[in-house]
Protein backbone atom coordinates (compact mmCIF):
# COMPACT_ATOMS: atom_id res chain seq x y z
CA MET A 1 65.96 -1.72 -27.94
CA LYS A 2 68.70 -0.55 -30.16
CA ALA A 3 68.64 -3.52 -32.87
CA THR A 4 64.94 -3.23 -33.78
CA GLU A 5 64.01 0.19 -32.35
CA ALA A 6 61.63 -1.36 -30.13
CA ASN A 7 60.52 0.14 -26.70
CA VAL A 8 61.09 -2.22 -23.82
CA ALA A 9 59.48 -1.70 -20.19
CA PHE A 10 60.86 -3.70 -17.25
CA GLU A 11 57.96 -3.34 -14.45
CA GLU A 12 58.72 -5.39 -11.08
CA TYR A 13 56.05 -7.72 -10.28
CA ASN A 14 57.74 -9.29 -6.83
CA GLN A 15 60.55 -11.16 -5.78
CA TYR A 16 60.82 -13.45 -8.10
CA ASN A 17 59.28 -11.75 -11.73
CA VAL A 18 58.85 -8.98 -13.19
CA PHE A 19 56.19 -7.67 -16.29
CA VAL A 20 58.12 -7.27 -19.74
CA THR A 21 56.51 -4.91 -22.19
CA VAL A 22 57.68 -4.85 -25.62
CA SER A 23 56.09 -2.56 -28.33
CA HIS A 24 56.65 -1.19 -31.80
CA ILE A 25 54.57 -0.06 -34.79
CA SER A 26 55.64 -2.64 -37.32
CA HIS A 27 54.62 -6.47 -36.63
CA GLU A 28 57.82 -7.93 -37.88
CA ARG A 29 60.07 -5.68 -35.74
CA LEU A 30 58.39 -6.81 -32.69
CA ILE A 31 58.34 -10.23 -33.29
CA GLU A 32 62.29 -9.98 -33.74
CA ALA A 33 62.52 -7.94 -30.78
CA LEU A 34 60.68 -10.51 -28.75
CA GLU A 35 62.97 -13.30 -29.94
CA LEU A 36 66.37 -11.07 -29.41
CA LEU A 37 64.98 -10.79 -25.56
CA ILE A 38 64.30 -14.43 -25.23
CA GLU A 39 67.67 -15.24 -26.47
CA GLU A 40 69.18 -13.51 -23.81
CA LEU A 41 67.02 -14.50 -20.70
CA PRO A 42 69.21 -16.91 -18.69
CA SER A 43 69.51 -20.70 -18.81
CA GLU A 44 70.95 -22.45 -16.11
CA LEU A 45 72.32 -25.89 -15.47
CA SER A 46 72.97 -26.89 -11.92
CA PHE A 47 75.18 -30.06 -11.02
CA TYR A 48 76.91 -31.74 -7.87
CA VAL A 49 80.86 -31.62 -7.42
CA PRO A 50 81.92 -32.96 -4.42
CA GLU A 51 83.27 -29.88 -2.42
CA SER A 52 86.29 -31.10 -1.73
CA HIS A 53 87.20 -30.83 -5.72
CA HIS A 54 85.85 -27.22 -5.98
CA LYS A 55 89.55 -25.69 -4.92
CA ARG A 56 90.99 -27.52 -7.54
CA ILE A 57 88.87 -27.05 -10.30
CA ILE A 58 88.73 -22.93 -9.70
CA GLY A 59 92.44 -23.08 -9.91
CA HIS A 60 95.15 -20.68 -8.15
CA GLY A 61 93.74 -17.28 -8.36
CA GLY A 62 90.69 -18.58 -9.97
CA LYS A 63 93.00 -18.89 -13.23
CA ASN A 64 91.21 -22.67 -14.39
CA ILE A 65 87.33 -21.54 -13.97
CA GLN A 66 88.12 -18.50 -15.55
CA ARG A 67 89.84 -20.29 -18.35
CA ILE A 68 87.03 -22.69 -18.83
CA MET A 69 84.17 -19.90 -18.55
CA LYS A 70 85.80 -17.92 -21.16
CA LYS A 71 85.87 -20.79 -23.52
CA TYR A 72 82.52 -21.72 -23.17
CA GLY A 73 81.02 -18.11 -22.18
CA VAL A 74 79.22 -18.83 -19.23
CA TYR A 75 79.13 -18.34 -15.52
CA VAL A 76 80.23 -20.92 -13.09
CA LYS A 77 79.27 -20.64 -9.17
CA PHE A 78 80.35 -23.23 -6.84
CA LEU A 79 78.55 -23.32 -4.05
CA ASN A 80 79.80 -24.65 -0.30
CA SER A 81 77.64 -26.58 2.38
CA SER A 82 76.30 -23.53 4.03
CA ASP A 83 75.24 -21.76 0.44
CA VAL A 84 73.63 -25.12 -0.45
CA GLN A 85 71.70 -25.24 2.89
CA GLU A 86 70.37 -21.50 2.03
CA LEU A 87 69.86 -22.40 -1.35
CA TYR A 88 67.39 -25.44 -0.61
CA GLY A 89 66.26 -23.99 2.79
CA LEU A 90 67.45 -26.88 4.86
CA SER A 91 68.56 -26.95 8.17
CA ILE A 92 71.73 -27.54 9.98
CA ARG A 93 71.11 -31.45 10.35
CA LYS A 94 69.94 -32.68 7.11
CA PRO A 95 72.71 -34.02 4.66
CA VAL A 96 73.88 -31.85 1.95
CA CYS A 97 76.57 -34.01 0.68
CA LEU A 98 74.27 -34.95 -2.86
CA LEU A 99 72.60 -31.47 -3.42
CA ASN A 100 73.61 -29.46 -6.92
CA ASN A 101 76.25 -27.33 -5.82
CA VAL A 102 77.58 -26.11 -9.28
CA ILE A 103 75.06 -23.89 -10.88
CA VAL A 104 76.28 -22.84 -14.60
CA ARG A 105 74.43 -19.80 -16.38
CA THR A 106 74.48 -18.66 -19.59
CA PRO A 107 72.29 -16.64 -21.91
CA SER A 108 69.75 -18.90 -23.65
CA LYS A 109 71.27 -18.15 -27.10
CA ASN A 110 74.65 -19.86 -26.12
CA SER A 111 72.63 -22.70 -23.83
CA GLN A 112 74.18 -25.42 -25.97
CA SER A 113 77.39 -24.37 -23.67
CA LEU A 114 75.77 -25.61 -20.65
CA LEU A 115 76.80 -29.32 -21.43
CA LEU A 116 80.04 -28.55 -22.80
CA MET A 117 80.85 -26.60 -19.48
CA LYS A 118 79.17 -29.37 -17.28
CA THR A 119 81.53 -31.66 -18.92
CA ALA A 120 84.85 -29.45 -18.48
CA VAL A 121 84.27 -29.72 -14.80
CA LEU A 122 83.62 -33.07 -14.40
CA GLU A 123 86.57 -33.76 -16.27
CA ALA A 124 88.61 -31.51 -14.00
CA SER A 125 86.85 -33.09 -11.26
CA GLU A 126 87.63 -37.00 -12.30
CA GLU A 127 91.51 -35.65 -12.65
CA GLU A 128 91.61 -35.05 -9.05
CA VAL A 129 89.58 -38.44 -8.06
CA ILE A 130 92.72 -39.79 -10.13
CA ILE A 131 95.41 -38.25 -7.92
CA ILE A 132 93.23 -39.26 -4.87
CA ASN A 133 93.39 -42.85 -5.66
CA VAL A 134 97.18 -42.84 -6.54
CA LEU A 135 98.34 -41.19 -3.42
């Protein structure tokens, strides 16, 4: 790790986990390296938005969502019904309408932006609900 000159090694453990080894001669630099590494681990928030609102929130060519993602420094993924079924391991017969279908990710050091992004996405969704109710 360049910032602390610590040695960091990743070793695959299984499909979901890895071993991380961090080493340094200096105890203080080792702690600093661990803190920096932890700040880079992903933080995630998921929630539900009706699939019918996804297209409007994303915008033409992804412009709306790109602007919001850049503003908050997060990554957003919208899942359709089949993605949700696959993610949760559900059969096609089970209802998936209220399962979380929006995933927001960012490094832990930016985790305060997760709720801000959720609010922005939900506000964009409510705008469409208002338009639908007006029509």
